[in-house]
Amino acid sequence: MAEFQARLDELRTRISAQSDRVYDLLLRAVDVAFDLDPDRARELVGEDEAIDREDVEIERACVSTLTLPESDEYRVRAVVAIVKINNELERIADCAVNIAAVVEEYGDDFSERPPATFRVMANSVIGIVRDASRALAELNVDLAQQVLGFDETVTTFKDEIGLDAEQRVAEGSFSVSFAFRLRTIVAQLERAADHATNICEQVIYLQSGKTVVHRGGKWSAPTLPDGPGAGHGDEAGSGS
């Protein structure tokens, strides 16, 4: 059991570091999108290789850890949660690279600029990813639930930006190609927020044994699942 706990502690350290790495990549990708800077975008596109390598190494370490004998449900659940969170982080990094790739692909061919709502949405997504990362590092269920509450706001911004872009195309102030690029970037931001909320789902389940459901644009309150193992969450969350 002592070896399993030592491995788990190491995995927690590594997944927190990976989370910080991914957040930094997304933050810089958003800056590139604000500035529409193809040179900086080009630099970012290749930067997720280190994240991809660590993604593989963390998964391997999780599999190796799960082969060790361990009877404590919380510890085993913690490793499984790290596997899932690791995957979500890799996808957020992909979103960041995809945003940079849009800017890089079109080079200096940006005569228009995104509407102010785009900056507000992008900053909201950055905040969601930042707080999801913090909830993970601190295993903070309350913060994880707060992050879920902002998910609907991102969708609202995305819809507003889409409508605004359509109107500007009709008025002639946006070209069709720019509106398409903007929509692509906005979609990647929304996906990054979705992956961040998935991380928060895992934090909630890990610490409380409770699950949340997204229906009708809203998140349910955490509830204990039915079936074997229900009601055996660790509210304190130390697992040690």
C-alpha atoms as a PDB file:
ATOM      1  CA  MET A   1       0.000   0.000   0.000  1.00  0.00           C
ATOM      2  CA  ALA A   2       2.858   2.357   0.774  1.00  0.00           C
ATOM      3  CA  GLU A   3       4.262   1.909  -2.732  1.00  0.00           C
ATOM      4  CA  PHE A   4       0.848   2.562  -4.299  1.00  0.00           C
ATOM      5  CA  GLN A   5       0.462   5.781  -2.287  1.00  0.00           C
ATOM      6  CA  ALA A   6       3.962   6.922  -3.268  1.00  0.00           C
ATOM      7  CA  ARG A   7       3.155   6.334  -6.933  1.00  0.00           C
ATOM      8  CA  LEU A   8      -0.168   8.138  -6.543  1.00  0.00           C
ATOM      9  CA  ASP A   9       1.543  11.158  -4.974  1.00  0.00           C
ATOM     10  CA  GLU A  10       3.965  11.270  -7.906  1.00  0.00           C
ATOM     11  CA  LEU A  11       1.096  11.027 -10.401  1.00  0.00           C
ATOM     12  CA  ARG A  12      -0.692  13.913  -8.698  1.00  0.00           C
ATOM     13  CA  THR A  13       2.427  16.040  -8.953  1.00  0.00           C
ATOM     14  CA  ARG A  14       2.855  15.193 -12.627  1.00  0.00           C
ATOM     15  CA  ILE A  15      -0.778  15.793 -13.582  1.00  0.00           C
ATOM     16  CA  SER A  16      -0.745  19.179 -11.817  1.00  0.00           C
ATOM     17  CA  ALA A  17       2.409  20.165 -13.702  1.00  0.00           C
ATOM     18  CA  GLN A  18       0.832  19.006 -16.962  1.00  0.00           C
ATOM     19  CA  SER A  19      -2.257  21.056 -16.178  1.00  0.00           C
ATOM     20  CA  ASP A  20      -0.122  24.179 -15.674  1.00  0.00           C
ATOM     21  CA  ARG A  21       1.687  23.473 -18.960  1.00  0.00           C
ATOM     22  CA  VAL A  22      -1.582  23.162 -20.868  1.00  0.00           C
ATOM     23  CA  TYR A  23      -3.022  26.304 -19.299  1.00  0.00           C
ATOM     24  CA  ASP A  24       0.064  28.283 -20.324  1.00  0.00           C
ATOM     25  CA  LEU A  25      -0.205  26.986 -23.899  1.00  0.00           C
ATOM     26  CA  LEU A  26      -3.868  27.961 -24.168  1.00  0.00           C
ATOM     27  CA  LEU A  27      -3.177  31.380 -22.649  1.00  0.00           C
ATOM     28  CA  ARG A  28      -0.526  32.106 -25.266  1.00  0.00           C
ATOM     29  CA  ALA A  29      -2.737  30.756 -28.069  1.00  0.00           C
ATOM     30  CA  VAL A  30      -5.466  33.185 -27.022  1.00  0.00           C
ATOM     31  CA  ASP A  31      -2.951  36.052 -27.059  1.00  0.00           C
ATOM     32  CA  VAL A  32      -1.982  35.029 -30.593  1.00  0.00           C
ATOM     33  CA  ALA A  33      -5.649  35.058 -31.591  1.00  0.00           C
ATOM     34  CA  PHE A  34      -6.137  38.518 -30.059  1.00  0.00           C
ATOM     35  CA  ASP A  35      -3.140  39.899 -31.935  1.00  0.00           C
ATOM     36  CA  LEU A  36      -3.568  37.753 -35.085  1.00  0.00           C
ATOM     37  CA  ASP A  37       0.204  37.246 -35.069  1.00  0.00           C
ATOM     38  CA  PRO A  38       1.234  34.482 -37.525  1.00  0.00           C
ATOM     39  CA  ASP A  39       4.882  34.417 -36.412  1.00  0.00           C
ATOM     40  CA  ARG A  40       4.053  33.681 -32.781  1.00  0.00           C
ATOM     41  CA  ALA A  41       1.356  31.270 -33.927  1.00  0.00           C
ATOM     42  CA  ARG A  42       3.959  29.319 -35.890  1.00  0.00           C
ATOM     43  CA  GLU A  43       6.086  28.949 -32.764  1.00  0.00           C
ATOM     44  CA  LEU A  44       3.149  27.637 -30.734  1.00  0.00           C
ATOM     45  CA  VAL A  45       2.015  24.987 -33.206  1.00  0.00           C
ATOM     46  CA  GLY A  46       4.926  22.679 -32.416  1.00  0.00           C
ATOM     47  CA  GLU A  47       4.949  23.285 -28.689  1.00  0.00           C
ATOM     48  CA  ASP A  48       2.444  20.615 -27.741  1.00  0.00           C
ATOM     49  CA  GLU A  49       4.943  17.849 -28.549  1.00  0.00           C
ATOM     50  CA  ALA A  50       6.241  17.978 -24.969  1.00  0.00           C
ATOM     51  CA  ILE A  51       2.654  17.819 -23.701  1.00  0.00           C
ATOM     52  CA  ASP A  52       1.950  14.805 -25.931  1.00  0.00           C
ATOM     53  CA  ARG A  53       5.042  13.017 -24.621  1.00  0.00           C
ATOM     54  CA  GLU A  54       4.094  13.638 -21.001  1.00  0.00           C
ATOM     55  CA  ASP A  55       0.529  12.549 -21.756  1.00  0.00           C
ATOM     56  CA  VAL A  56       1.841   9.137 -22.839  1.00  0.00           C
ATOM     57  CA  GLU A  57       4.219   8.858 -19.889  1.00  0.00           C
ATOM     58  CA  ILE A  58       1.511   9.709 -17.354  1.00  0.00           C
ATOM     59  CA  GLU A  59      -0.816   7.113 -18.850  1.00  0.00           C
ATOM     60  CA  ARG A  60       1.903   4.475 -18.718  1.00  0.00           C
ATOM     61  CA  ALA A  61       2.652   5.356 -15.098  1.00  0.00           C
ATOM     62  CA  CYS A  62      -1.056   5.054 -14.246  1.00  0.00           C
ATOM     63  CA  VAL A  63      -1.310   1.601 -15.831  1.00  0.00           C
ATOM     64  CA  SER A  64       1.810   0.488 -13.997  1.00  0.00           C
ATOM     65  CA  THR A  65       0.434   1.797 -10.690  1.00  0.00           C
ATOM     66  CA  LEU A  66      -2.862  -0.045 -11.138  1.00  0.00           C
ATOM     67  CA  THR A  67      -0.997  -3.364 -11.319  1.00  0.00           C
ATOM     68  CA  LEU A  68       0.112  -2.901  -7.697  1.00  0.00           C
ATOM     69  CA  PRO A  69      -2.022  -4.454  -4.917  1.00  0.00           C
ATOM     70  CA  GLU A  70      -4.351  -1.882  -3.341  1.00  0.00           C
ATOM     71  CA  SER A  71      -7.625  -2.328  -1.442  1.00  0.00           C
ATOM     72  CA  ASP A  72      -8.509   1.325  -0.780  1.00  0.00           C
ATOM     73  CA  GLU A  73     -11.235   2.376  -3.211  1.00  0.00           C
ATOM     74  CA  TYR A  74     -10.329   6.062  -3.080  1.00  0.00           C
ATOM     75  CA  ARG A  75      -6.725   5.496  -4.126  1.00  0.00           C
ATOM     76  CA  VAL A  76      -7.691   3.274  -7.051  1.00  0.00           C
ATOM     77  CA  ARG A  77     -10.356   5.769  -8.114  1.00  0.00           C
ATOM     78  CA  ALA A  78      -7.778   8.547  -7.936  1.00  0.00           C
ATOM     79  CA  VAL A  79      -5.526   6.816 -10.472  1.00  0.00           C
ATOM     80  CA  VAL A  80      -8.459   6.164 -12.824  1.00  0.00           C
ATOM     81  CA  ALA A  81      -9.462   9.837 -12.513  1.00  0.00           C
ATOM     82  CA  ILE A  82      -5.924  10.916 -13.407  1.00  0.00           C
ATOM     83  CA  VAL A  83      -6.077   8.794 -16.576  1.00  0.00           C
ATOM     84  CA  LYS A  84      -9.282  10.577 -17.614  1.00  0.00           C
ATOM     85  CA  ILE A  85      -8.034  14.036 -16.635  1.00  0.00           C
ATOM     86  CA  ASN A  86      -4.796  13.440 -18.513  1.00  0.00           C
ATOM     87  CA  ASN A  87      -6.809  12.810 -21.675  1.00  0.00           C
ATOM     88  CA  GLU A  88      -8.844  16.003 -21.203  1.00  0.00           C
ATOM     89  CA  LEU A  89      -5.667  18.050 -20.760  1.00  0.00           C
ATOM     90  CA  GLU A  90      -4.214  16.676 -23.974  1.00  0.00           C
ATOM     91  CA  ARG A  91      -7.386  17.717 -25.795  1.00  0.00           C
ATOM     92  CA  ILE A  92      -7.234  21.248 -24.370  1.00  0.00           C
ATOM     93  CA  ALA A  93      -3.667  21.447 -25.693  1.00  0.00           C
ATOM     94  CA  ASP A  94      -4.969  20.336 -29.096  1.00  0.00           C
ATOM     95  CA  CYS A  95      -7.528  23.160 -28.992  1.00  0.00           C
ATOM     96  CA  ALA A  96      -4.755  25.662 -28.252  1.00  0.00           C
ATOM     97  CA  VAL A  97      -2.675  24.381 -31.167  1.00  0.00           C
ATOM     98  CA  ASN A  98      -5.700  24.429 -33.475  1.00  0.00           C
ATOM     99  CA  ILE A  99      -6.303  28.095 -32.605  1.00  0.00           C
ATOM    100  CA  ALA A 100      -2.680  28.943 -33.351  1.00  0.00           C
ATOM    101  CA  ALA A 101      -2.837  26.925 -36.593  1.00  0.00           C
ATOM    102  CA  VAL A 102      -5.750  29.039 -37.876  1.00  0.00           C
ATOM    103  CA  VAL A 103      -3.741  32.206 -37.323  1.00  0.00           C
ATOM    104  CA  GLU A 104      -0.615  30.664 -38.848  1.00  0.00           C
ATOM    105  CA  GLU A 105      -2.436  29.293 -41.896  1.00  0.00           C
ATOM    106  CA  TYR A 106      -3.776  32.656 -42.983  1.00  0.00           C
ATOM    107  CA  GLY A 107      -0.553  34.508 -42.257  1.00  0.00           C
ATOM    108  CA  ASP A 108      -0.798  38.251 -42.673  1.00  0.00           C
ATOM    109  CA  ASP A 109      -4.110  38.038 -44.517  1.00  0.00           C
ATOM    110  CA  PHE A 110      -6.029  39.522 -41.568  1.00  0.00           C
ATOM    111  CA  SER A 111      -7.474  42.912 -42.372  1.00  0.00           C
ATOM    112  CA  GLU A 112     -10.432  42.576 -39.961  1.00  0.00           C
ATOM    113  CA  ARG A 113     -10.327  42.256 -36.198  1.00  0.00           C
ATOM    114  CA  PRO A 114     -12.509  40.114 -33.890  1.00  0.00           C
ATOM    115  CA  PRO A 115     -15.409  41.837 -32.095  1.00  0.00           C
ATOM    116  CA  ALA A 116     -15.070  42.835 -28.436  1.00  0.00           C
ATOM    117  CA  THR A 117     -17.290  39.908 -27.429  1.00  0.00           C
ATOM    118  CA  PHE A 118     -14.596  37.533 -28.661  1.00  0.00           C
ATOM    119  CA  ARG A 119     -12.094  38.871 -26.139  1.00  0.00           C
ATOM    120  CA  VAL A 120     -14.655  38.535 -23.340  1.00  0.00           C
ATOM    121  CA  MET A 121     -15.399  34.932 -24.323  1.00  0.00           C
ATOM    122  CA  ALA A 122     -11.718  34.044 -24.641  1.00  0.00           C
ATOM    123  CA  ASN A 123     -10.956  35.506 -21.221  1.00  0.00           C
ATOM    124  CA  SER A 124     -13.889  33.541 -19.760  1.00  0.00           C
ATOM    125  CA  VAL A 125     -12.506  30.297 -21.198  1.00  0.00           C
ATOM    126  CA  ILE A 126      -9.041  31.098 -19.861  1.00  0.00           C
ATOM    127  CA  GLY A 127     -10.619  31.622 -16.434  1.00  0.00           C
ATOM    128  CA  ILE A 128     -12.464  28.299 -16.636  1.00  0.00           C
ATOM    129  CA  VAL A 129      -9.311  26.382 -17.558  1.00  0.00           C
ATOM    130  CA  ARG A 130      -7.309  28.190 -14.873  1.00  0.00           C
ATOM    131  CA  ASP A 131      -9.873  27.405 -12.168  1.00  0.00           C
ATOM    132  CA  ALA A 132     -10.246  23.799 -13.323  1.00  0.00           C
ATOM    133  CA  SER A 133      -6.478  23.476 -13.009  1.00  0.00           C
ATOM    134  CA  ARG A 134      -6.629  24.930  -9.501  1.00  0.00           C
ATOM    135  CA  ALA A 135      -9.536  22.670  -8.507  1.00  0.00           C
ATOM    136  CA  LEU A 136      -7.446  19.710  -9.665  1.00  0.00           C
ATOM    137  CA  ALA A 137      -4.322  20.801  -7.784  1.00  0.00           C
ATOM    138  CA  GLU A 138      -6.269  21.467  -4.586  1.00  0.00           C
ATOM    139  CA  LEU A 139      -8.873  18.685  -5.075  1.00  0.00           C
ATOM    140  CA  ASN A 140     -11.394  21.440  -4.404  1.00  0.00           C
ATOM    141  CA  VAL A 141     -14.965  20.244  -5.016  1.00  0.00           C
ATOM    142  CA  ASP A 142     -16.549  23.657  -4.331  1.00  0.00           C
ATOM    143  CA  LEU A 143     -14.356  25.342  -6.928  1.00  0.00           C
ATOM    144  CA  ALA A 144     -15.006  22.530  -9.408  1.00  0.00           C
ATOM    145  CA  GLN A 145     -18.749  23.082  -9.022  1.00  0.00           C
ATOM    146  CA  GLN A 146     -18.305  26.825  -9.513  1.00  0.00           C
ATOM    147  CA  VAL A 147     -16.484  26.173 -12.798  1.00  0.00           C
ATOM    148  CA  LEU A 148     -19.420  24.107 -14.050  1.00  0.00           C
ATOM    149  CA  GLY A 149     -21.667  27.106 -13.447  1.00  0.00           C
ATOM    150  CA  PHE A 150     -19.746  29.194 -16.017  1.00  0.00           C
ATOM    151  CA  ASP A 151     -20.099  26.646 -18.824  1.00  0.00           C
ATOM    152  CA  GLU A 152     -23.404  28.038 -20.083  1.00  0.00           C
ATOM    153  CA  THR A 153     -21.902  31.546 -20.310  1.00  0.00           C
ATOM    154  CA  VAL A 154     -19.326  30.333 -22.834  1.00  0.00           C
ATOM    155  CA  THR A 155     -22.058  28.862 -25.046  1.00  0.00           C
ATOM    156  CA  THR A 156     -23.980  32.149 -24.874  1.00  0.00           C
ATOM    157  CA  PHE A 157     -20.890  34.096 -25.967  1.00  0.00           C
ATOM    158  CA  LYS A 158     -20.259  31.645 -28.810  1.00  0.00           C
ATOM    159  CA  ASP A 159     -23.806  32.105 -30.123  1.00  0.00           C
ATOM    160  CA  GLU A 160     -23.556  35.899 -29.859  1.00  0.00           C
ATOM    161  CA  ILE A 161     -20.269  35.956 -31.763  1.00  0.00           C
ATOM    162  CA  GLY A 162     -21.721  33.723 -34.472  1.00  0.00           C
ATOM    163  CA  LEU A 163     -24.733  35.969 -34.974  1.00  0.00           C
ATOM    164  CA  ASP A 164     -22.568  39.093 -34.918  1.00  0.00           C
ATOM    165  CA  ALA A 165     -20.247  37.621 -37.551  1.00  0.00           C
ATOM    166  CA  GLU A 166     -23.193  36.749 -39.795  1.00  0.00           C
ATOM    167  CA  GLN A 167     -24.537  40.303 -39.536  1.00  0.00           C
ATOM    168  CA  ARG A 168     -21.130  41.797 -40.313  1.00  0.00           C
ATOM    169  CA  VAL A 169     -20.757  39.565 -43.355  1.00  0.00           C
ATOM    170  CA  ALA A 170     -24.174  40.733 -44.551  1.00  0.00           C
ATOM    171  CA  GLU A 171     -23.137  44.370 -43.985  1.00  0.00           C
ATOM    172  CA  GLY A 172     -19.816  43.847 -45.747  1.00  0.00           C
ATOM    173  CA  SER A 173     -17.620  44.711 -42.737  1.00  0.00           C
ATOM    174  CA  PHE A 174     -16.462  41.074 -42.388  1.00  0.00           C
ATOM    175  CA  SER A 175     -15.350  38.884 -45.262  1.00  0.00           C
ATOM    176  CA  VAL A 176     -16.762  35.362 -45.418  1.00  0.00           C
ATOM    177  CA  SER A 177     -13.269  33.915 -44.965  1.00  0.00           C
ATOM    178  CA  PHE A 178     -12.603  35.957 -41.814  1.00  0.00           C
ATOM    179  CA  ALA A 179     -15.975  35.019 -40.340  1.00  0.00           C
ATOM    180  CA  PHE A 180     -15.171  31.360 -41.019  1.00  0.00           C
ATOM    181  CA  ARG A 181     -11.772  31.648 -39.303  1.00  0.00           C
ATOM    182  CA  LEU A 182     -13.332  33.424 -36.338  1.00  0.00           C
ATOM    183  CA  ARG A 183     -15.982  30.740 -36.002  1.00  0.00           C
ATOM    184  CA  THR A 184     -13.298  28.038 -36.064  1.00  0.00           C
ATOM    185  CA  ILE A 185     -11.339  29.719 -33.274  1.00  0.00           C
ATOM    186  CA  VAL A 186     -14.486  30.261 -31.208  1.00  0.00           C
ATOM    187  CA  ALA A 187     -15.427  26.585 -31.592  1.00  0.00           C
ATOM    188  CA  GLN A 188     -11.990  25.547 -30.317  1.00  0.00           C
ATOM    189  CA  LEU A 189     -12.392  27.813 -27.293  1.00  0.00           C
ATOM    190  CA  GLU A 190     -15.769  26.276 -26.499  1.00  0.00           C
ATOM    191  CA  ARG A 191     -14.269  22.789 -26.729  1.00  0.00           C
ATOM    192  CA  ALA A 192     -11.441  23.769 -24.385  1.00  0.00           C
ATOM    193  CA  ALA A 193     -14.048  24.915 -21.853  1.00  0.00           C
ATOM    194  CA  ASP A 194     -15.936  21.641 -22.274  1.00  0.00           C
ATOM    195  CA  HIS A 195     -12.787  19.635 -21.547  1.00  0.00           C
ATOM    196  CA  ALA A 196     -12.126  21.794 -18.484  1.00  0.00           C
ATOM    197  CA  THR A 197     -15.611  21.050 -17.139  1.00  0.00           C
ATOM    198  CA  ASN A 198     -14.956  17.349 -17.725  1.00  0.00           C
ATOM    199  CA  ILE A 199     -11.898  17.703 -15.482  1.00  0.00           C
ATOM    200  CA  CYS A 200     -14.106  19.271 -12.819  1.00  0.00           C
ATOM    201  CA  GLU A 201     -16.542  16.354 -13.114  1.00  0.00           C
ATOM    202  CA  GLN A 202     -13.672  14.010 -12.304  1.00  0.00           C
ATOM    203  CA  VAL A 203     -12.572  16.103  -9.314  1.00  0.00           C
ATOM    204  CA  ILE A 204     -16.123  16.054  -7.931  1.00  0.00           C
ATOM    205  CA  TYR A 205     -16.470  12.306  -8.401  1.00  0.00           C
ATOM    206  CA  LEU A 206     -13.059  11.557  -6.976  1.00  0.00           C
ATOM    207  CA  GLN A 207     -13.572  13.562  -3.813  1.00  0.00           C
ATOM    208  CA  SER A 208     -17.242  12.848  -3.113  1.00  0.00           C
ATOM    209  CA  GLY A 209     -18.171   9.726  -5.070  1.00  0.00           C
ATOM    210  CA  LYS A 210     -20.940  11.868  -6.596  1.00  0.00           C
ATOM    211  CA  THR A 211     -21.674  12.499 -10.262  1.00  0.00           C
ATOM    212  CA  VAL A 212     -23.022  15.503 -12.147  1.00  0.00           C
ATOM    213  CA  VAL A 213     -25.080  15.455 -15.335  1.00  0.00           C
ATOM    214  CA  HIS A 214     -25.339  18.095 -18.074  1.00  0.00           C
ATOM    215  CA  ARG A 215     -28.885  18.346 -19.427  1.00  0.00           C
ATOM    216  CA  GLY A 216     -30.769  21.183 -21.072  1.00  0.00           C
ATOM    217  CA  GLY A 217     -27.763  23.473 -20.917  1.00  0.00           C
ATOM    218  CA  LYS A 218     -27.427  23.158 -17.141  1.00  0.00           C
ATOM    219  CA  TRP A 219     -25.451  20.995 -14.706  1.00  0.00           C
ATOM    220  CA  SER A 220     -27.250  18.960 -12.079  1.00  0.00           C
ATOM    221  CA  ALA A 221     -26.288  19.037  -8.408  1.00  0.00           C
ATOM    222  CA  PRO A 222     -23.827  16.267  -7.467  1.00  0.00           C
ATOM    223  CA  THR A 223     -25.686  13.062  -6.568  1.00  0.00           C
ATOM    224  CA  LEU A 224     -24.618   9.587  -5.544  1.00  0.00           C
ATOM    225  CA  PRO A 225     -24.839   7.103  -8.430  1.00  0.00           C
ATOM    226  CA  ASP A 226     -27.035   4.020  -8.170  1.00  0.00           C
ATOM    227  CA  GLY A 227     -25.569   0.560  -8.064  1.00  0.00           C
ATOM    228  CA  PRO A 228     -22.595  -1.170  -6.417  1.00  0.00           C
ATOM    229  CA  GLY A 229     -20.148   1.197  -4.736  1.00  0.00           C
ATOM    230  CA  ALA A 230     -22.649   4.041  -4.445  1.00  0.00           C
ATOM    231  CA  GLY A 231     -22.309   6.061  -1.280  1.00  0.00           C
ATOM    232  CA  HIS A 232     -18.658   5.165  -0.673  1.00  0.00           C
ATOM    233  CA  GLY A 233     -17.125   8.504  -1.647  1.00  0.00           C
ATOM    234  CA  ASP A 234     -14.464  10.142   0.478  1.00  0.00           C
ATOM    235  CA  GLU A 235     -15.838  13.571   1.401  1.00  0.00           C
ATOM    236  CA  ALA A 236     -12.630  14.501   3.166  1.00  0.00           C
ATOM    237  CA  GLY A 237     -10.707  13.612   0.061  1.00  0.00           C
ATOM    238  CA  SER A 238      -7.276  12.853   1.461  1.00  0.00           C
ATOM    239  CA  GLY A 239      -7.356   9.173   0.594  1.00  0.00           C
ATOM    240  CA  SER A 240      -4.237   8.658   2.658  1.00  0.00           C
END
